[in-house]
Amino acid sequence: MRTPLTGEQYVTEQGWLKASLTCCPLHPAGGCGFARHGSYPRKRPWGARIARWYCPLGRRTFSLIPDCLAARWPGTLQTVEVAVMTAETAPSLVVAARVLRPEIEEAGASSP
């Protein structure tokens, strides 16, 4: 879902309540009983929820994840982008791990 909001603004403004999916992705012509199906919480950022819809005919749910959050990853897209950039520019993955997660000992950051 396109949004000008950051992850923090999405939580503060409860962006999931304003999210809208106008038709069923499986049945664009309608007639399937497509309806809003509440929301589910994200672990990060804390307080974020994702709007959800349900198609009873297709027996599937559809979620609108705002583009400020990373799909299939906890946290914001910005957090993922920083991790990728750090891993790409660091001289090694161990160095990248030290930068990104200094609380983890090096043995946990390197491969056996």
N, C-alpha and C. Protein backbone atom coordinates (compact mmCIF):
# COMPACT_ATOMS: atom_id res chain seq x y z
N MET A 1 0.84 -1.16 0.00
CA MET A 1 0.00 0.00 0.00
C MET A 1 0.90 1.23 0.00
N ARG A 2 0.67 2.11 -0.94
CA ARG A 2 1.43 3.36 -0.99
C ARG A 2 0.99 4.29 0.12
N THR A 3 1.97 4.85 0.80
CA THR A 3 1.69 5.81 1.85
C THR A 3 2.86 6.78 1.98
N PRO A 4 2.58 8.05 2.25
CA PRO A 4 3.67 8.99 2.48
C PRO A 4 4.20 8.90 3.92
N LEU A 5 3.58 8.07 4.75
CA LEU A 5 3.92 7.98 6.16
C LEU A 5 5.19 7.16 6.40
N THR A 6 5.92 7.52 7.44
CA THR A 6 7.02 6.68 7.91
C THR A 6 6.40 5.59 8.80
N GLY A 7 7.19 4.63 9.20
CA GLY A 7 6.69 3.59 10.09
C GLY A 7 6.14 4.16 11.39
N GLU A 8 6.86 5.14 11.94
CA GLU A 8 6.43 5.78 13.19
C GLU A 8 5.12 6.54 13.00
N GLN A 9 4.99 7.26 11.89
CA GLN A 9 3.76 8.00 11.62
C GLN A 9 2.59 7.05 11.38
N TYR A 10 2.87 5.93 10.71
CA TYR A 10 1.83 4.93 10.45
C TYR A 10 1.24 4.43 11.76
N VAL A 11 2.09 4.22 12.76
CA VAL A 11 1.62 3.77 14.07
C VAL A 11 0.86 4.90 14.77
N THR A 12 1.45 6.09 14.83
CA THR A 12 0.84 7.22 15.51
C THR A 12 -0.52 7.57 14.92
N GLU A 13 -0.62 7.54 13.59
CA GLU A 13 -1.86 7.92 12.91
C GLU A 13 -2.80 6.74 12.67
N GLN A 14 -2.40 5.56 13.14
CA GLN A 14 -3.19 4.33 12.96
C GLN A 14 -3.59 4.15 11.49
N GLY A 15 -2.58 4.13 10.65
CA GLY A 15 -2.77 4.04 9.20
C GLY A 15 -3.60 2.87 8.73
N TRP A 16 -3.60 1.77 9.47
CA TRP A 16 -4.38 0.59 9.08
C TRP A 16 -5.88 0.87 9.07
N LEU A 17 -6.31 1.85 9.86
CA LEU A 17 -7.74 2.18 9.88
C LEU A 17 -8.17 2.92 8.62
N LYS A 18 -7.22 3.58 7.96
CA LYS A 18 -7.51 4.34 6.74
C LYS A 18 -7.26 3.51 5.48
N ALA A 19 -6.65 2.36 5.62
CA ALA A 19 -6.32 1.52 4.46
C ALA A 19 -7.60 1.06 3.78
N SER A 20 -7.55 0.98 2.44
CA SER A 20 -8.74 0.52 1.75
C SER A 20 -8.38 -0.31 0.53
N LEU A 21 -9.10 -1.36 0.37
CA LEU A 21 -8.95 -2.26 -0.77
C LEU A 21 -10.33 -2.30 -1.43
N THR A 22 -10.45 -1.69 -2.60
CA THR A 22 -11.77 -1.45 -3.18
C THR A 22 -12.44 -2.68 -3.78
N CYS A 23 -11.65 -3.65 -4.21
CA CYS A 23 -12.27 -4.87 -4.77
C CYS A 23 -11.40 -6.08 -4.45
N CYS A 24 -12.00 -7.23 -4.59
CA CYS A 24 -11.31 -8.49 -4.34
C CYS A 24 -10.28 -8.74 -5.44
N PRO A 25 -9.04 -9.04 -5.09
CA PRO A 25 -8.04 -9.36 -6.11
C PRO A 25 -8.39 -10.61 -6.92
N LEU A 26 -9.16 -11.52 -6.32
CA LEU A 26 -9.55 -12.74 -7.04
C LEU A 26 -10.81 -12.55 -7.89
N HIS A 27 -11.69 -11.65 -7.45
CA HIS A 27 -12.97 -11.43 -8.12
C HIS A 27 -13.22 -9.94 -8.29
N PRO A 28 -12.51 -9.28 -9.23
CA PRO A 28 -12.63 -7.83 -9.37
C PRO A 28 -14.05 -7.37 -9.72
N ALA A 29 -14.85 -8.24 -10.32
CA ALA A 29 -16.23 -7.87 -10.67
C ALA A 29 -17.15 -7.92 -9.45
N GLY A 30 -16.67 -8.49 -8.36
CA GLY A 30 -17.48 -8.56 -7.13
C GLY A 30 -18.29 -9.83 -7.04
N GLY A 31 -19.22 -9.84 -6.08
CA GLY A 31 -20.11 -10.98 -5.91
C GLY A 31 -19.56 -12.09 -5.04
N CYS A 32 -18.40 -11.92 -4.47
CA CYS A 32 -17.78 -12.99 -3.68
C CYS A 32 -17.95 -12.79 -2.18
N GLY A 33 -18.48 -11.64 -1.77
CA GLY A 33 -18.64 -11.36 -0.35
C GLY A 33 -17.40 -10.76 0.28
N PHE A 34 -16.50 -10.22 -0.54
CA PHE A 34 -15.25 -9.62 -0.08
C PHE A 34 -15.54 -8.55 0.96
N ALA A 35 -14.86 -8.62 2.10
CA ALA A 35 -15.11 -7.67 3.18
C ALA A 35 -13.87 -7.50 4.05
N ARG A 36 -13.84 -6.39 4.74
CA ARG A 36 -12.76 -6.12 5.69
C ARG A 36 -12.75 -7.22 6.75
N HIS A 37 -11.56 -7.61 7.17
CA HIS A 37 -11.41 -8.74 8.09
C HIS A 37 -10.50 -8.37 9.26
N GLY A 38 -10.64 -7.15 9.75
CA GLY A 38 -9.86 -6.72 10.90
C GLY A 38 -8.43 -6.37 10.55
N SER A 39 -7.54 -6.60 11.51
CA SER A 39 -6.12 -6.31 11.33
C SER A 39 -5.32 -7.25 12.22
N TYR A 40 -4.04 -7.34 11.94
CA TYR A 40 -3.16 -8.14 12.79
C TYR A 40 -1.95 -7.30 13.19
N PRO A 41 -1.36 -7.59 14.34
CA PRO A 41 -0.23 -6.79 14.82
C PRO A 41 1.09 -7.19 14.17
N ARG A 42 1.98 -6.21 14.05
CA ARG A 42 3.37 -6.46 13.64
C ARG A 42 4.23 -6.39 14.89
N LYS A 43 5.31 -7.15 14.91
CA LYS A 43 6.23 -7.08 16.06
C LYS A 43 6.95 -5.74 16.07
N ARG A 44 7.36 -5.27 14.90
CA ARG A 44 8.06 -4.00 14.79
C ARG A 44 7.55 -3.26 13.57
N PRO A 45 7.39 -1.99 13.64
CA PRO A 45 7.49 -1.17 14.84
C PRO A 45 6.35 -1.48 15.80
N TRP A 46 6.65 -1.36 17.08
CA TRP A 46 5.67 -1.69 18.10
C TRP A 46 4.43 -0.83 17.90
N GLY A 47 3.28 -1.48 17.96
CA GLY A 47 2.00 -0.78 17.82
C GLY A 47 1.44 -0.80 16.41
N ALA A 48 2.22 -1.21 15.43
CA ALA A 48 1.75 -1.25 14.05
C ALA A 48 0.80 -2.42 13.84
N ARG A 49 -0.22 -2.20 13.04
CA ARG A 49 -1.16 -3.25 12.67
C ARG A 49 -1.30 -3.23 11.15
N ILE A 50 -1.67 -4.36 10.59
CA ILE A 50 -1.84 -4.49 9.15
C ILE A 50 -3.31 -4.78 8.86
N ALA A 51 -3.90 -3.95 7.99
CA ALA A 51 -5.30 -4.12 7.60
C ALA A 51 -5.46 -5.38 6.75
N ARG A 52 -6.60 -6.06 6.94
CA ARG A 52 -6.82 -7.33 6.26
C ARG A 52 -8.25 -7.42 5.72
N TRP A 53 -8.41 -8.13 4.59
CA TRP A 53 -9.71 -8.38 3.98
C TRP A 53 -9.83 -9.88 3.71
N TYR A 54 -11.07 -10.35 3.56
CA TYR A 54 -11.31 -11.78 3.34
C TYR A 54 -12.25 -12.00 2.17
N CYS A 55 -11.91 -12.97 1.34
CA CYS A 55 -12.78 -13.41 0.24
C CYS A 55 -13.31 -14.78 0.62
N PRO A 56 -14.61 -14.87 1.00
CA PRO A 56 -15.16 -16.17 1.39
C PRO A 56 -15.23 -17.17 0.23
N LEU A 57 -15.44 -16.68 -0.98
CA LEU A 57 -15.52 -17.58 -2.13
C LEU A 57 -14.15 -18.20 -2.41
N GLY A 58 -13.11 -17.40 -2.36
CA GLY A 58 -11.75 -17.89 -2.59
C GLY A 58 -11.08 -18.43 -1.35
N ARG A 59 -11.73 -18.24 -0.19
CA ARG A 59 -11.20 -18.66 1.11
C ARG A 59 -9.77 -18.16 1.33
N ARG A 60 -9.56 -16.88 1.06
CA ARG A 60 -8.23 -16.27 1.22
C ARG A 60 -8.34 -14.91 1.86
N THR A 61 -7.32 -14.56 2.62
CA THR A 61 -7.23 -13.21 3.16
C THR A 61 -6.19 -12.43 2.37
N PHE A 62 -6.36 -11.11 2.38
CA PHE A 62 -5.45 -10.20 1.71
C PHE A 62 -5.08 -9.10 2.68
N SER A 63 -3.81 -8.79 2.75
CA SER A 63 -3.32 -7.77 3.68
C SER A 63 -2.72 -6.62 2.90
N LEU A 64 -2.90 -5.41 3.43
CA LEU A 64 -2.28 -4.23 2.83
C LEU A 64 -1.14 -3.79 3.74
N ILE A 65 0.07 -4.11 3.34
CA ILE A 65 1.24 -3.72 4.10
C ILE A 65 1.73 -2.39 3.54
N PRO A 66 1.83 -1.37 4.38
CA PRO A 66 2.27 -0.07 3.87
C PRO A 66 3.71 -0.15 3.38
N ASP A 67 4.02 0.65 2.37
CA ASP A 67 5.36 0.57 1.78
C ASP A 67 6.48 1.07 2.70
N CYS A 68 6.14 1.63 3.84
CA CYS A 68 7.18 2.02 4.80
C CYS A 68 7.62 0.83 5.66
N LEU A 69 6.85 -0.26 5.63
CA LEU A 69 7.21 -1.47 6.37
C LEU A 69 7.70 -2.53 5.39
N ALA A 70 8.56 -3.39 5.85
CA ALA A 70 9.11 -4.44 5.01
C ALA A 70 8.20 -5.66 5.02
N ALA A 71 7.83 -6.13 3.84
CA ALA A 71 7.01 -7.34 3.74
C ALA A 71 7.85 -8.56 4.10
N ARG A 72 7.29 -9.43 4.90
CA ARG A 72 7.92 -10.68 5.32
C ARG A 72 9.17 -10.51 6.16
N TRP A 73 9.40 -9.32 6.68
CA TRP A 73 10.50 -9.03 7.59
C TRP A 73 9.95 -8.16 8.70
N PRO A 74 10.40 -8.35 9.92
CA PRO A 74 9.95 -7.45 10.98
C PRO A 74 10.59 -6.08 10.81
N GLY A 75 9.90 -5.07 11.21
CA GLY A 75 10.47 -3.73 11.19
C GLY A 75 10.13 -2.95 9.93
N THR A 76 10.83 -1.83 9.80
CA THR A 76 10.56 -0.93 8.69
C THR A 76 11.45 -1.26 7.49
N LEU A 77 11.03 -0.79 6.35
CA LEU A 77 11.82 -0.97 5.14
C LEU A 77 13.17 -0.26 5.28
N GLN A 78 13.18 0.87 5.94
CA GLN A 78 14.42 1.61 6.15
C GLN A 78 15.43 0.78 6.94
N THR A 79 14.97 0.05 7.96
CA THR A 79 15.86 -0.80 8.75
C THR A 79 16.49 -1.89 7.88
N VAL A 80 15.70 -2.49 7.01
CA VAL A 80 16.20 -3.53 6.11
C VAL A 80 17.20 -2.92 5.13
N GLU A 81 16.88 -1.76 4.59
CA GLU A 81 17.79 -1.11 3.64
C GLU A 81 19.13 -0.77 4.28
N VAL A 82 19.13 -0.32 5.53
CA VAL A 82 20.38 -0.01 6.24
C VAL A 82 21.19 -1.28 6.42
N ALA A 83 20.54 -2.38 6.79
CA ALA A 83 21.25 -3.65 6.98
C ALA A 83 21.87 -4.13 5.67
N VAL A 84 21.13 -4.02 4.58
CA VAL A 84 21.65 -4.45 3.28
C VAL A 84 22.84 -3.58 2.87
N MET A 85 22.71 -2.28 3.01
CA MET A 85 23.80 -1.36 2.64
C MET A 85 25.04 -1.63 3.50
N THR A 86 24.85 -1.88 4.77
CA THR A 86 25.97 -2.17 5.66
C THR A 86 26.65 -3.47 5.23
N ALA A 87 25.87 -4.49 4.94
CA ALA A 87 26.44 -5.77 4.52
C ALA A 87 27.17 -5.65 3.19
N GLU A 88 26.65 -4.83 2.29
CA GLU A 88 27.28 -4.67 0.98
C GLU A 88 28.57 -3.86 1.04
N THR A 89 28.66 -2.92 1.97
CA THR A 89 29.83 -2.04 2.01
C THR A 89 30.88 -2.43 3.05
N ALA A 90 30.52 -3.28 3.99
CA ALA A 90 31.49 -3.70 5.02
C ALA A 90 32.51 -4.66 4.39
N PRO A 91 33.74 -4.66 4.91
CA PRO A 91 34.76 -5.55 4.36
C PRO A 91 34.45 -7.04 4.56
N SER A 92 33.59 -7.35 5.55
CA SER A 92 33.19 -8.74 5.77
C SER A 92 31.84 -8.76 6.47
N LEU A 93 31.18 -9.90 6.48
CA LEU A 93 29.91 -10.02 7.18
C LEU A 93 30.08 -9.92 8.69
N VAL A 94 31.23 -10.35 9.19
CA VAL A 94 31.51 -10.23 10.62
C VAL A 94 31.56 -8.75 11.02
N VAL A 95 32.21 -7.94 10.20
CA VAL A 95 32.28 -6.50 10.47
C VAL A 95 30.88 -5.90 10.39
N ALA A 96 30.10 -6.29 9.39
CA ALA A 96 28.73 -5.80 9.26
C ALA A 96 27.91 -6.19 10.49
N ALA A 97 28.08 -7.42 10.97
CA ALA A 97 27.35 -7.87 12.16
C ALA A 97 27.75 -7.05 13.39
N ARG A 98 29.03 -6.73 13.51
CA ARG A 98 29.49 -5.90 14.64
C ARG A 98 28.83 -4.52 14.62
N VAL A 99 28.70 -3.96 13.42
CA VAL A 99 28.10 -2.63 13.28
C VAL A 99 26.60 -2.69 13.58
N LEU A 100 25.92 -3.68 13.00
CA LEU A 100 24.45 -3.75 13.11
C LEU A 100 23.97 -4.31 14.44
N ARG A 101 24.70 -5.26 15.00
CA ARG A 101 24.27 -5.92 16.23
C ARG A 101 25.44 -6.04 17.20
N PRO A 102 25.91 -4.93 17.76
CA PRO A 102 27.07 -4.97 18.65
C PRO A 102 26.84 -5.79 19.92
N GLU A 103 25.58 -6.04 20.27
CA GLU A 103 25.29 -6.81 21.49
C GLU A 103 25.52 -8.32 21.31
N ILE A 104 25.70 -8.76 20.08
CA ILE A 104 25.93 -10.19 19.81
C ILE A 104 27.43 -10.44 19.74
N GLU A 105 27.90 -11.48 20.43
CA GLU A 105 29.31 -11.81 20.40
C GLU A 105 29.71 -12.29 19.02
N GLU A 106 30.98 -12.10 18.70
CA GLU A 106 31.46 -12.43 17.37
C GLU A 106 31.23 -13.89 16.99
N ALA A 107 31.33 -14.80 17.94
CA ALA A 107 31.11 -16.22 17.63
C ALA A 107 29.70 -16.44 17.07
N GLY A 108 28.75 -15.66 17.50
CA GLY A 108 27.39 -15.78 16.99
C GLY A 108 27.21 -15.13 15.65
N ALA A 109 28.15 -14.29 15.23
CA ALA A 109 28.05 -13.57 13.97
C ALA A 109 28.78 -14.27 12.83
N SER A 110 29.71 -15.15 13.14
CA SER A 110 30.48 -15.78 12.08
C SER A 110 30.00 -17.22 11.83
N SER A 111 30.32 -17.71 10.67
CA SER A 111 29.94 -19.08 10.31
C SER A 111 30.89 -20.07 10.92
N PRO A 112 30.41 -21.28 11.28
CA PRO A 112 31.31 -22.30 11.83
C PRO A 112 32.24 -22.86 10.80
